[in-house]
């Protein structure tokens, strides 16, 4: 427990330092680069780069703020955990890996942080060591491994440039960009790699609040932000646009029919990641980064509130059994209410400043009408599943006997209070301090009201859903199945298993037999050749001696 308190103070101090340092760098338009040469071989430099600019410092400050609040929250939430020290060390290693990845413009040093995130996230997902967490952890690590392979292949392809820094990349080399794109969409769980994110909810709630709000899932978005200059005017950016919109639509639709509290919040994370990738593909790089920072704050608060609710309901996560919880945990419910309103983009909450700006920028662009309708429907789905959560948790009656009286703790409330204040103010503060000169939009009043109209439409949709679709189990199952992506993975798994067994049989049968015989025959030929060589050399030496003797 003392370790968590020490790490809390250190993380909070580091957050304050990095935040003010990012303001300093932004105002003076400065950036620093540290280079550490490991070795030089035939003109190839293996080196570590650390890029310290206002983007990296601001992102690190947000990560350290959330991690410090989660350490304070975990002092109470995880106090009865047997392996608390293991939890603390994994958390620290995870944060260190994230910081290494944030500060690296070099693919080699990015890989260290990237692989650290993948490995430690697997250890955190299987922390509770049951069948469900083992299954989820394996799916998580295997999906992320696809992206790791993409990053490794990009490193192999960049070998020809003599350096792995992104400043030496060739914009015309499409294959390297495709590998970086593959790494980004797997880590940020875009279609068709979306299924691991809801399954990773088997981790403890503090881990979900850190990993699935500001670190692991946003690593892919951050990588695309760093390499964004190389992707524009390429085919890859168009593929990203369609992938992100389908991810938004699918996750929003699925969240309206999901009943697991943590999975609903995970699907909302997936929807917001799709929104970030979508605006990134349209050229709004700073706007995607703006939304990434704000989303990290209110989403971590949502997860922390859900952890207290799950404890209250005696570890039951089904929202159909909960209800009327504001009478038992009023401060938690108020925090949940504010963070959810920020997620919806309610006017003048923090999420409004980025989401409204994103939507207005989209209205001014030349976008296919079908895609625009899907974006607007995805926006409405966010409101509908948020209001459905409000209905089930606030306004319905308690339907379960599995109630456990849980008294709110002041330490946990303090950690949530900081994030709740920032969920109200962070959007306006970041807009005034960092993003004030990036976008100025002027448009017709009707176009500006489209976003508000779609929010109202989402509210009406949630009412219609609650009244008509709550008991239609077939439709609920069909629409909540993530478009059967998990079955696709199962088919691929079976195909690769059958394929690998056939290769194994082939290898153990005639390939091994033939290769062994070929090798033995080759060795025999070599021996015969060596013997002939020795005989010829002996005859040559005798002849040479005789010639020299007779001369």
Protein backbone atom coordinates (compact mmCIF):
# COMPACT_ATOMS: atom_id res chain seq x y z
CA UNK A 1 0.00 0.00 0.00
CA UNK A 2 2.85 2.37 0.82
CA UNK A 3 4.40 1.67 -2.58
CA UNK A 4 1.21 2.80 -4.31
CA UNK A 5 1.18 6.03 -2.28
CA UNK A 6 4.82 6.78 -3.17
CA UNK A 7 4.19 6.10 -6.84
CA UNK A 8 1.09 8.30 -6.70
CA UNK A 9 3.05 11.32 -5.46
CA UNK A 10 5.83 10.71 -7.98
CA UNK A 11 3.36 10.33 -10.89
CA UNK A 12 1.42 13.43 -9.89
CA UNK A 13 4.60 15.50 -9.59
CA UNK A 14 5.77 14.20 -12.99
CA UNK A 15 2.36 15.11 -14.49
CA UNK A 16 2.65 18.71 -13.22
CA UNK A 17 6.22 19.05 -14.50
CA UNK A 18 5.46 17.65 -17.98
CA UNK A 19 2.29 19.73 -18.33
CA UNK A 20 4.04 23.04 -17.65
CA UNK A 21 7.01 21.94 -19.76
CA UNK A 22 4.63 21.24 -22.70
CA UNK A 23 3.18 24.79 -22.33
CA UNK A 24 6.74 26.17 -22.39
CA UNK A 25 7.67 24.18 -25.51
CA UNK A 26 4.45 25.14 -27.29
CA UNK A 27 4.73 28.87 -26.59
CA UNK A 28 8.37 29.05 -27.71
CA UNK A 29 7.85 26.56 -30.56
CA UNK A 30 10.76 24.42 -29.33
CA UNK A 31 11.55 20.73 -29.55
CA UNK A 32 14.54 18.74 -28.36
CA UNK A 33 16.00 15.58 -29.80
CA UNK A 34 18.34 13.22 -27.93
CA UNK A 35 20.31 10.67 -29.93
CA UNK A 36 22.16 7.67 -28.55
CA UNK A 37 24.23 5.68 -31.04
CA UNK A 38 24.42 1.98 -30.14
CA UNK A 39 26.64 0.85 -33.02
CA UNK A 40 27.46 1.56 -36.65
CA UNK A 41 27.83 -1.26 -39.17
CA UNK A 42 28.55 -0.68 -42.90
CA UNK A 43 26.81 2.69 -42.92
CA UNK A 44 23.78 1.43 -40.95
CA UNK A 45 23.25 3.34 -37.69
CA UNK A 46 21.45 1.54 -34.86
CA UNK A 47 20.49 4.36 -32.55
CA UNK A 48 17.91 5.46 -30.02
CA UNK A 49 16.08 8.72 -30.66
CA UNK A 50 14.07 10.64 -28.09
CA UNK A 51 11.93 13.46 -29.45
CA UNK A 52 10.78 15.89 -26.74
CA UNK A 53 8.19 18.30 -28.12
CA UNK A 54 4.94 19.71 -26.77
CA UNK A 55 2.84 16.86 -28.24
CA UNK A 56 4.88 14.14 -26.48
CA UNK A 57 5.07 16.09 -23.19
CA UNK A 58 1.34 16.83 -23.16
CA UNK A 59 0.44 13.20 -23.85
CA UNK A 60 2.87 11.98 -21.15
CA UNK A 61 1.35 14.44 -18.67
CA UNK A 62 -2.17 13.06 -19.33
CA UNK A 63 -0.91 9.46 -18.98
CA UNK A 64 0.83 10.30 -15.70
CA UNK A 65 -2.25 12.12 -14.35
CA UNK A 66 -4.53 9.16 -15.05
CA UNK A 67 -2.00 6.64 -13.72
CA UNK A 68 -1.55 8.64 -10.50
CA UNK A 69 -5.32 8.75 -9.92
CA UNK A 70 -5.59 5.03 -10.64
CA UNK A 71 -2.84 4.26 -8.11
CA UNK A 72 -4.78 6.21 -5.50
CA UNK A 73 -7.99 4.41 -6.52
CA UNK A 74 -6.24 1.00 -6.41
CA UNK A 75 -5.13 1.53 -2.79
CA UNK A 76 -8.74 0.86 -1.78
CA UNK A 77 -10.03 -1.16 -4.74
CA UNK A 78 -7.18 -3.73 -4.67
CA UNK A 79 -6.37 -3.67 -0.94
CA UNK A 80 -7.49 -7.29 -0.38
CA UNK A 81 -5.58 -8.58 -3.42
CA UNK A 82 -2.98 -11.25 -2.58
CA UNK A 83 -0.64 -10.34 -5.44
CA UNK A 84 -0.77 -6.57 -4.97
CA UNK A 85 2.99 -6.13 -5.47
CA UNK A 86 2.80 -7.91 -8.83
CA UNK A 87 -0.05 -5.60 -9.82
CA UNK A 88 1.98 -2.49 -8.88
CA UNK A 89 5.11 -3.60 -10.75
CA UNK A 90 3.14 -4.49 -13.88
CA UNK A 91 1.44 -1.10 -13.75
CA UNK A 92 4.78 0.73 -13.49
CA UNK A 93 6.37 -1.28 -16.31
CA UNK A 94 3.31 -0.58 -18.45
CA UNK A 95 3.57 3.19 -17.88
CA UNK A 96 7.32 3.11 -18.64
CA UNK A 97 6.69 1.25 -21.91
CA UNK A 98 4.07 3.82 -22.90
CA UNK A 99 6.40 6.76 -22.16
CA UNK A 100 9.17 5.11 -24.21
CA UNK A 101 6.80 4.71 -27.15
CA UNK A 102 5.52 8.30 -26.90
CA UNK A 103 9.01 9.85 -26.96
CA UNK A 104 10.36 7.72 -29.84
CA UNK A 105 10.40 8.84 -33.49
CA UNK A 106 12.60 5.83 -34.26
CA UNK A 107 11.09 2.45 -35.20
CA UNK A 108 13.66 0.51 -33.14
CA UNK A 109 12.93 2.40 -29.91
CA UNK A 110 9.20 2.41 -30.72
CA UNK A 111 9.37 -1.39 -30.93
CA UNK A 112 10.70 -1.67 -27.36
CA UNK A 113 7.79 0.35 -25.98
CA UNK A 114 5.31 -1.30 -28.36
CA UNK A 115 6.31 -4.85 -27.39
CA UNK A 116 6.39 -3.85 -23.73
CA UNK A 117 2.77 -2.66 -24.02
CA UNK A 118 1.70 -5.91 -25.72
CA UNK A 119 3.44 -8.25 -23.27
CA UNK A 120 2.45 -6.44 -20.06
CA UNK A 121 -1.15 -5.97 -21.27
CA UNK A 122 -1.33 -9.77 -21.65
CA UNK A 123 -0.06 -10.22 -18.07
CA UNK A 124 -2.65 -7.71 -16.83
CA UNK A 125 -5.58 -9.25 -18.73
CA UNK A 126 -4.84 -12.71 -17.24
CA UNK A 127 -4.26 -11.21 -13.77
CA UNK A 128 -7.26 -12.98 -12.19
CA UNK A 129 -6.14 -16.37 -13.61
CA UNK A 130 -9.41 -17.99 -14.60
CA UNK A 131 -10.59 -19.61 -17.82
CA UNK A 132 -12.30 -16.47 -19.13
CA UNK A 133 -9.26 -14.24 -18.54
CA UNK A 134 -6.87 -16.80 -20.08
CA UNK A 135 -9.03 -16.97 -23.21
CA UNK A 136 -9.31 -13.18 -23.42
CA UNK A 137 -5.58 -12.72 -22.83
CA UNK A 138 -4.68 -15.14 -25.62
CA UNK A 139 -6.98 -13.38 -28.11
CA UNK A 140 -5.56 -10.00 -27.03
CA UNK A 141 -1.92 -10.97 -27.39
CA UNK A 142 -2.41 -12.81 -30.72
CA UNK A 143 -4.33 -9.92 -32.31
CA UNK A 144 -1.69 -7.44 -31.14
CA UNK A 145 1.03 -9.76 -32.38
CA UNK A 146 -0.17 -9.21 -35.95
CA UNK A 147 0.59 -5.51 -35.56
CA UNK A 148 3.95 -6.30 -33.95
CA UNK A 149 4.85 -8.35 -37.03
CA UNK A 150 3.93 -5.34 -39.19
CA UNK A 151 6.27 -3.15 -37.16
CA UNK A 152 9.08 -5.73 -37.40
CA UNK A 153 8.64 -5.94 -41.18
CA UNK A 154 8.75 -2.13 -41.41
CA UNK A 155 12.05 -2.22 -39.47
CA UNK A 156 13.40 -4.83 -41.89
CA UNK A 157 12.35 -2.75 -44.92
CA UNK A 158 13.88 0.44 -43.50
CA UNK A 159 17.25 -1.31 -43.21
CA UNK A 160 17.99 -0.18 -46.78
CA UNK A 161 17.78 3.50 -45.78
CA UNK A 162 20.64 3.15 -43.29
CA UNK A 163 18.58 4.44 -40.37
CA UNK A 164 15.30 3.63 -38.62
CA UNK A 165 14.34 7.23 -37.83
CA UNK A 166 11.11 8.45 -39.38
CA UNK A 167 12.99 11.50 -40.71
CA UNK A 168 14.86 9.24 -43.15
CA UNK A 169 11.75 7.51 -44.50
CA UNK A 170 10.92 7.62 -48.18
CA UNK A 171 7.34 8.80 -48.79
CA UNK A 172 7.14 6.76 -51.99
CA UNK A 173 7.86 3.47 -50.27
CA UNK A 174 4.28 2.24 -49.88
CA UNK A 175 5.14 -1.14 -48.32
CA UNK A 176 6.69 0.41 -45.18
CA UNK A 177 3.61 2.62 -44.73
CA UNK A 178 1.35 -0.43 -45.11
CA UNK A 179 3.23 -2.21 -42.31
CA UNK A 180 2.98 0.82 -39.99
CA UNK A 181 -0.73 1.10 -40.87
CA UNK A 182 -1.23 -2.60 -39.97
CA UNK A 183 0.47 -2.05 -36.61
CA UNK A 184 -1.75 0.98 -35.89
CA UNK A 185 -5.12 -0.58 -36.73
CA UNK A 186 -4.42 -3.75 -34.71
CA UNK A 187 -3.40 -1.81 -31.59
CA UNK A 188 -6.35 0.59 -31.90
CA UNK A 189 -8.74 -2.35 -32.62
CA UNK A 190 -10.14 -1.14 -35.94
CA UNK A 191 -12.07 -3.54 -38.20
CA UNK A 192 -11.25 -6.42 -38.75
CA UNK A 193 -9.18 -6.56 -35.51
CA UNK A 194 -11.92 -5.23 -33.19
CA UNK A 195 -12.83 -8.29 -31.21
CA UNK A 196 -9.95 -8.25 -28.71
CA UNK A 197 -10.93 -4.95 -27.07
CA UNK A 198 -14.25 -6.06 -25.47
CA UNK A 199 -12.65 -9.39 -24.49
CA UNK A 200 -9.80 -7.59 -22.68
CA UNK A 201 -12.33 -6.40 -20.08
CA UNK A 202 -11.38 -9.48 -18.02
CA UNK A 203 -8.61 -7.36 -16.49
CA UNK A 204 -9.15 -5.63 -13.10
CA UNK A 205 -11.10 -2.36 -13.36
CA UNK A 206 -8.11 -0.06 -12.56
CA UNK A 207 -6.24 -1.74 -15.41
CA UNK A 208 -9.21 -1.23 -17.75
CA UNK A 209 -9.28 2.45 -16.72
CA UNK A 210 -5.61 2.90 -17.65
CA UNK A 211 -5.08 0.43 -20.51
CA UNK A 212 -8.30 1.06 -22.41
CA UNK A 213 -8.55 4.81 -22.00
CA UNK A 214 -5.18 6.48 -22.43
CA UNK A 215 -2.42 3.98 -23.15
CA UNK A 216 -2.69 0.69 -25.06
CA UNK A 217 -5.57 1.45 -27.45
CA UNK A 218 -4.44 5.02 -28.13
CA UNK A 219 -0.91 3.85 -29.01
CA UNK A 220 -2.08 3.01 -32.56
CA UNK A 221 -3.70 6.44 -32.98
CA UNK A 222 -0.56 8.14 -31.64
CA UNK A 223 1.64 6.18 -34.07
CA UNK A 224 -0.53 7.37 -36.98
CA UNK A 225 -0.33 10.96 -35.68
CA UNK A 226 3.48 10.78 -35.59
CA UNK A 227 3.73 9.30 -39.10
CA UNK A 228 0.77 11.27 -40.53
CA UNK A 229 2.91 13.33 -42.94
CA UNK A 230 3.85 10.20 -44.88
CA UNK A 231 0.31 8.87 -45.30
CA UNK A 232 -1.49 11.76 -46.96
CA UNK A 233 -2.43 11.42 -50.62
CA UNK A 234 -1.97 7.66 -50.48
CA UNK A 235 -4.33 4.71 -50.85
CA UNK A 236 -3.76 3.72 -47.20
CA UNK A 237 -5.44 6.83 -45.83
CA UNK A 238 -8.60 6.01 -47.84
CA UNK A 239 -8.64 2.46 -46.45
CA UNK A 240 -8.27 3.92 -42.94
CA UNK A 241 -11.25 6.23 -43.56
CA UNK A 242 -13.59 3.33 -44.41
CA UNK A 243 -12.23 1.05 -41.64
CA UNK A 244 -12.72 3.73 -39.00
CA UNK A 245 -16.30 4.57 -40.03
CA UNK A 246 -17.33 0.90 -40.06
CA UNK A 247 -15.69 0.47 -36.64
CA UNK A 248 -17.65 3.45 -35.26
CA UNK A 249 -20.91 2.16 -36.66
CA UNK A 250 -20.44 -1.46 -35.56
CA UNK A 251 -19.32 -0.65 -32.01
CA UNK A 252 -22.09 1.91 -31.47
CA UNK A 253 -24.74 -0.50 -32.74
CA UNK A 254 -23.39 -3.35 -30.64
CA UNK A 255 -23.25 -1.23 -27.45
CA UNK A 256 -27.01 -0.60 -27.72
CA UNK A 257 -27.66 -4.35 -27.36
CA UNK A 258 -24.88 -5.27 -24.90
CA UNK A 259 -25.73 -5.90 -21.24
CA UNK A 260 -22.28 -6.17 -19.68
CA UNK A 261 -21.38 -2.80 -18.09
CA UNK A 262 -17.64 -2.94 -18.77
CA UNK A 263 -18.17 -4.18 -22.32
CA UNK A 264 -20.49 -1.25 -23.07
CA UNK A 265 -17.78 1.17 -21.93
CA UNK A 266 -15.19 -0.79 -23.95
CA UNK A 267 -17.38 -0.54 -27.06
CA UNK A 268 -17.75 3.20 -26.51
CA UNK A 269 -13.92 3.35 -26.42
CA UNK A 270 -13.90 1.48 -29.74
CA UNK A 271 -16.39 3.98 -31.18
CA UNK A 272 -14.27 6.96 -30.07
CA UNK A 273 -11.13 5.35 -31.51
CA UNK A 274 -12.96 5.06 -34.82
CA UNK A 275 -13.85 8.77 -34.57
CA UNK A 276 -10.18 9.69 -33.97
CA UNK A 277 -8.96 7.57 -36.87
CA UNK A 278 -11.67 8.95 -39.13
CA UNK A 279 -10.75 12.61 -38.58
CA UNK A 280 -7.07 11.66 -38.79
CA UNK A 281 -7.67 10.13 -42.23
CA UNK A 282 -9.34 13.40 -43.34
CA UNK A 283 -6.31 15.51 -42.36
CA UNK A 284 -7.34 16.73 -38.88
CA UNK A 285 -4.22 15.47 -37.11
CA UNK A 286 -4.24 17.97 -34.22
CA UNK A 287 -7.99 17.52 -33.83
CA UNK A 288 -7.53 13.74 -33.46
CA UNK A 289 -4.85 14.38 -30.82
CA UNK A 290 -7.16 16.87 -29.05
CA UNK A 291 -9.95 14.30 -28.84
CA UNK A 292 -7.48 11.59 -27.76
CA UNK A 293 -6.46 13.63 -24.67
CA UNK A 294 -10.01 14.56 -23.65
CA UNK A 295 -11.31 11.04 -24.25
CA UNK A 296 -8.58 9.57 -22.02
CA UNK A 297 -9.73 11.67 -19.05
CA UNK A 298 -13.48 11.04 -19.11
CA UNK A 299 -13.17 7.39 -20.18
CA UNK A 300 -10.85 6.54 -17.25
CA UNK A 301 -13.43 8.14 -14.92
CA UNK A 302 -16.19 6.01 -16.50
CA UNK A 303 -14.23 2.82 -15.82
CA UNK A 304 -13.51 3.85 -12.22
CA UNK A 305 -17.21 4.48 -11.59
CA UNK A 306 -18.10 1.12 -13.18
CA UNK A 307 -15.68 -0.66 -10.80
CA UNK A 308 -17.50 0.74 -7.76
CA UNK A 309 -20.87 -0.24 -9.26
CA UNK A 310 -19.66 -3.80 -9.88
CA UNK A 311 -18.49 -4.05 -6.26
CA UNK A 312 -21.85 -2.74 -5.08
CA UNK A 313 -23.66 -5.40 -7.11
CA UNK A 314 -21.50 -8.17 -5.62
CA UNK A 315 -19.32 -8.51 -8.77
CA UNK A 316 -22.32 -8.68 -11.10
CA UNK A 317 -21.75 -6.72 -14.33
CA UNK A 318 -25.17 -7.17 -15.96
CA UNK A 319 -26.96 -3.80 -16.13
CA UNK A 320 -30.37 -5.52 -16.31
CA UNK A 321 -30.07 -6.47 -12.61
CA UNK A 322 -28.97 -3.03 -11.38
CA UNK A 323 -31.13 0.02 -10.79
CA UNK A 324 -31.73 2.95 -8.46
CA UNK A 325 -28.04 3.02 -7.52
CA UNK A 326 -27.97 6.78 -6.94
CA UNK A 327 -29.47 6.19 -3.50
CA UNK A 328 -26.48 4.11 -2.42
CA UNK A 329 -23.46 5.71 -4.16
CA UNK A 330 -24.51 9.30 -5.00
CA UNK A 331 -21.01 10.72 -5.62
CA UNK A 332 -20.09 7.83 -7.93
CA UNK A 333 -23.32 8.25 -9.84
CA UNK A 334 -22.70 11.98 -10.22
CA UNK A 335 -19.20 11.26 -11.57
CA UNK A 336 -20.64 8.65 -13.93
CA UNK A 337 -23.30 11.12 -15.08
CA UNK A 338 -20.78 13.89 -15.85
CA UNK A 339 -18.33 11.61 -17.67
CA UNK A 340 -21.13 10.07 -19.74
CA UNK A 341 -22.45 13.50 -20.71
CA UNK A 342 -18.92 14.41 -21.77
CA UNK A 343 -18.80 11.22 -23.87
CA UNK A 344 -22.06 12.20 -25.58
CA UNK A 345 -20.67 15.64 -26.45
CA UNK A 346 -23.18 17.54 -24.32
CA UNK A 347 -22.66 21.30 -24.88
CA UNK A 348 -19.84 22.86 -22.84
CA UNK A 349 -18.65 19.61 -21.31
CA UNK A 350 -15.10 18.63 -22.30
CA UNK A 351 -16.11 16.14 -25.00
CA UNK A 352 -18.18 18.81 -26.74
CA UNK A 353 -15.14 20.91 -27.66
CA UNK A 354 -13.49 18.16 -29.71
CA UNK A 355 -16.51 16.20 -31.00
CA UNK A 356 -18.42 19.26 -32.19
CA UNK A 357 -15.32 20.61 -33.93
CA UNK A 358 -14.74 17.24 -35.60
CA UNK A 359 -18.32 17.06 -36.89
CA UNK A 360 -18.24 20.65 -38.18
CA UNK A 361 -14.99 19.94 -40.03
CA UNK A 362 -16.63 16.87 -41.61
CA UNK A 363 -19.63 18.93 -42.80
CA UNK A 364 -17.25 21.22 -44.72
CA UNK A 365 -15.52 18.35 -46.52
CA UNK A 366 -16.40 16.60 -49.75
CA UNK A 367 -17.56 13.24 -48.34
CA UNK A 368 -19.74 10.53 -49.81
CA UNK A 369 -23.36 10.92 -48.62
CA UNK A 370 -23.60 7.28 -47.54
CA UNK A 371 -20.49 7.64 -45.37
CA UNK A 372 -21.80 10.91 -43.89
CA UNK A 373 -25.06 9.19 -42.91
CA UNK A 374 -23.09 6.40 -41.22
CA UNK A 375 -21.02 8.97 -39.29
CA UNK A 376 -24.18 10.75 -38.12
CA UNK A 377 -25.83 7.46 -37.12
CA UNK A 378 -22.70 6.49 -35.17
CA UNK A 379 -22.95 9.83 -33.36
CA UNK A 380 -26.58 9.06 -32.49
CA UNK A 381 -25.70 5.57 -31.25
CA UNK A 382 -23.32 7.13 -28.69
CA UNK A 383 -26.21 9.08 -27.18
CA UNK A 384 -28.63 6.14 -27.32
CA UNK A 385 -26.44 3.63 -25.47
CA UNK A 386 -25.43 6.30 -22.91
CA UNK A 387 -29.07 7.11 -22.16
CA UNK A 388 -29.85 3.39 -22.02
CA UNK A 389 -27.15 3.06 -19.36
CA UNK A 390 -28.73 5.96 -17.44
CA UNK A 391 -32.13 4.28 -17.60
CA UNK A 392 -30.90 0.89 -16.39
CA UNK A 393 -28.68 2.23 -13.61
CA UNK A 394 -30.60 5.31 -12.39
CA UNK A 395 -34.29 5.03 -13.16
CA UNK A 396 -35.14 1.33 -13.19
CA UNK A 397 -35.78 -0.66 -10.04
CA UNK A 398 -33.24 -3.00 -8.46
CA UNK A 399 -33.94 -6.49 -9.84
CA UNK A 400 -31.36 -8.51 -7.98
CA UNK A 401 -30.90 -10.02 -4.54
CA UNK A 402 -27.11 -9.99 -5.03
CA UNK A 403 -26.81 -6.60 -3.35
CA UNK A 404 -23.80 -5.81 -1.23
CA UNK A 405 -23.75 -2.57 0.74
CA UNK A 406 -20.64 -0.69 -0.31
CA UNK A 407 -19.76 2.50 1.49
CA UNK A 408 -18.03 5.14 -0.62
CA UNK A 409 -14.42 5.76 0.31
CA UNK A 410 -13.01 9.29 0.55
CA UNK A 411 -9.72 8.33 -1.08
CA UNK A 412 -11.48 6.81 -4.09
CA UNK A 413 -13.81 9.80 -4.25
CA UNK A 414 -10.84 12.18 -4.29
CA UNK A 415 -9.25 10.34 -7.23
CA UNK A 416 -12.55 10.53 -9.12
CA UNK A 417 -13.13 14.17 -8.13
CA UNK A 418 -9.95 15.32 -9.92
CA UNK A 419 -10.97 13.48 -13.09
CA UNK A 420 -14.56 14.73 -12.77
CA UNK A 421 -13.41 18.37 -12.63
CA UNK A 422 -11.18 17.75 -15.65
CA UNK A 423 -14.10 16.07 -17.48
CA UNK A 424 -15.87 19.41 -17.13
CA UNK A 425 -12.95 21.75 -17.82
CA UNK A 426 -10.23 19.95 -19.80
CA UNK A 427 -11.84 20.60 -23.20
CA UNK A 428 -11.99 24.37 -22.76
CA UNK A 429 -8.56 24.54 -21.06
CA UNK A 430 -6.80 22.58 -23.80
CA UNK A 431 -8.62 24.59 -26.46
CA UNK A 432 -7.48 27.90 -24.94
CA UNK A 433 -3.91 26.77 -24.23
CA UNK A 434 -2.89 24.57 -27.17
CA UNK A 435 -5.45 24.21 -29.98
CA UNK A 436 -6.85 27.74 -30.28
CA UNK A 437 -5.19 28.57 -33.63
CA UNK A 438 -5.68 25.32 -35.53
CA UNK A 439 -9.26 25.54 -36.79
CA UNK A 440 -11.71 28.39 -37.36
CA UNK A 441 -14.96 27.30 -38.97
CA UNK A 442 -17.73 29.52 -40.29
CA UNK A 443 -20.91 27.89 -41.57
CA UNK A 444 -24.67 28.17 -41.89
CA UNK A 445 -26.76 27.85 -38.70
CA UNK A 446 -28.66 24.81 -40.05
CA UNK A 447 -25.43 22.91 -40.70
CA UNK A 448 -24.21 23.73 -37.19
CA UNK A 449 -27.48 22.38 -35.75
CA UNK A 450 -27.17 19.00 -37.52
CA UNK A 451 -25.03 17.63 -34.67
CA UNK A 452 -27.56 18.74 -32.04
CA UNK A 453 -30.42 17.26 -34.08
CA UNK A 454 -28.60 13.90 -34.26
CA UNK A 455 -28.05 13.98 -30.47
CA UNK A 456 -31.80 14.45 -29.95
CA UNK A 457 -32.44 11.68 -32.48
CA UNK A 458 -30.12 9.39 -30.48
CA UNK A 459 -32.13 10.14 -27.33
CA UNK A 460 -35.39 9.24 -29.08
CA UNK A 461 -33.73 6.09 -30.44
CA UNK A 462 -32.84 4.94 -26.91
CA UNK A 463 -36.47 5.39 -25.79
CA UNK A 464 -37.69 3.42 -28.81
CA UNK A 465 -35.15 0.68 -28.09
CA UNK A 466 -36.12 0.36 -24.42
CA UNK A 467 -39.82 0.08 -25.29
CA UNK A 468 -39.56 -2.27 -28.28
CA UNK A 469 -36.33 -4.25 -28.47
CA UNK A 470 -35.57 -5.20 -24.85
CA UNK A 471 -37.23 -8.62 -25.23
CA UNK A 472 -36.46 -9.39 -28.89
CA UNK A 473 -33.60 -11.78 -28.14
CA UNK A 474 -32.92 -12.86 -31.73
CA UNK A 475 -32.45 -9.25 -32.97
CA UNK A 476 -30.42 -8.42 -29.86
CA UNK A 477 -28.11 -11.38 -30.45
CA UNK A 478 -27.72 -10.64 -34.15
CA UNK A 479 -26.94 -6.94 -33.64
CA UNK A 480 -24.62 -7.53 -30.65
CA UNK A 481 -22.47 -10.19 -32.33
CA UNK A 482 -19.81 -7.75 -33.62
CA UNK A 483 -20.73 -8.77 -37.16
CA UNK A 484 -19.52 -12.33 -36.41
CA UNK A 485 -15.85 -11.30 -36.36
CA UNK A 486 -15.20 -13.80 -33.56
CA UNK A 487 -16.46 -16.63 -35.78
CA UNK A 488 -14.15 -15.42 -38.53
CA UNK A 489 -11.24 -15.73 -36.12
CA UNK A 490 -12.42 -19.20 -35.14
CA UNK A 491 -12.52 -20.29 -38.79
CA UNK A 492 -9.06 -18.84 -39.38
CA UNK A 493 -7.81 -20.59 -36.26
CA UNK A 494 -9.19 -23.95 -37.46
CA UNK A 495 -7.82 -23.40 -40.95
CA UNK A 496 -4.33 -22.61 -39.65
CA UNK A 497 -4.43 -25.52 -37.21
CA UNK A 498 -5.36 -27.99 -39.98
CA UNK A 499 -2.78 -26.40 -42.30
CA UNK A 500 -0.05 -26.58 -39.64
CA UNK A 501 -0.84 -30.24 -38.86
CA UNK A 502 -0.64 -31.13 -42.56
CA UNK A 503 2.70 -29.34 -42.85
CA UNK A 504 3.88 -31.18 -39.73
CA UNK A 505 2.88 -34.55 -41.22
CA UNK A 506 4.57 -33.62 -44.50
CA UNK A 507 7.69 -32.57 -42.67
CA UNK A 508 7.83 -35.75 -40.61
CA UNK A 509 7.22 -38.03 -43.59
CA UNK A 510 8.82 -37.74 -47.01
CA UNK A 511 10.49 -34.28 -46.58
CA UNK A 512 12.52 -35.50 -43.62
CA UNK A 513 13.20 -38.85 -45.28
CA UNK A 514 14.25 -37.31 -48.58
CA UNK A 515 16.29 -34.54 -46.99
CA UNK A 516 18.10 -37.06 -44.75
CA UNK A 517 18.93 -39.31 -47.69
CA UNK A 518 20.02 -36.36 -49.82
CA UNK A 519 22.26 -35.13 -47.03
CA UNK A 520 23.81 -38.56 -46.52
CA UNK A 521 24.41 -38.96 -50.26
CA UNK A 522 25.97 -35.51 -50.38
CA UNK A 523 28.29 -36.38 -47.50
CA UNK A 524 29.31 -39.60 -49.26
CA UNK A 525 30.04 -37.66 -52.46
CA UNK A 526 32.10 -35.16 -50.46
CA UNK A 527 34.07 -38.00 -48.87
CA UNK A 528 34.76 -39.60 -52.28
CA UNK A 529 35.79 -36.23 -53.67
CA UNK A 530 38.10 -35.60 -50.72
CA UNK A 531 39.70 -39.02 -51.12
CA UNK A 532 40.26 -38.39 -54.86
CA UNK A 533 41.62 -34.94 -54.02
CA UNK A 534 44.10 -36.48 -51.58
CA UNK A 535 45.24 -39.05 -54.20
CA UNK A 536 45.69 -36.42 -56.89
CA UNK A 537 47.57 -34.12 -54.51
CA UNK A 538 49.87 -37.00 -53.49
CA UNK A 539 50.62 -37.87 -57.17
CA UNK A 540 51.18 -34.15 -57.96
CA UNK A 541 53.67 -33.77 -55.08
CA UNK A 542 55.58 -36.95 -56.13
CA UNK A 543 55.81 -35.69 -59.71
CA UNK A 544 56.93 -32.28 -58.53
CA UNK A 545 59.70 -33.82 -56.35
CA UNK A 546 60.87 -36.00 -59.23
CA UNK A 547 61.04 -33.04 -61.62
CA UNK A 548 62.98 -30.97 -59.09
CA UNK A 549 65.36 -33.93 -58.38
CA UNK A 550 66.15 -34.57 -62.06
CA UNK A 551 66.66 -30.88 -62.79
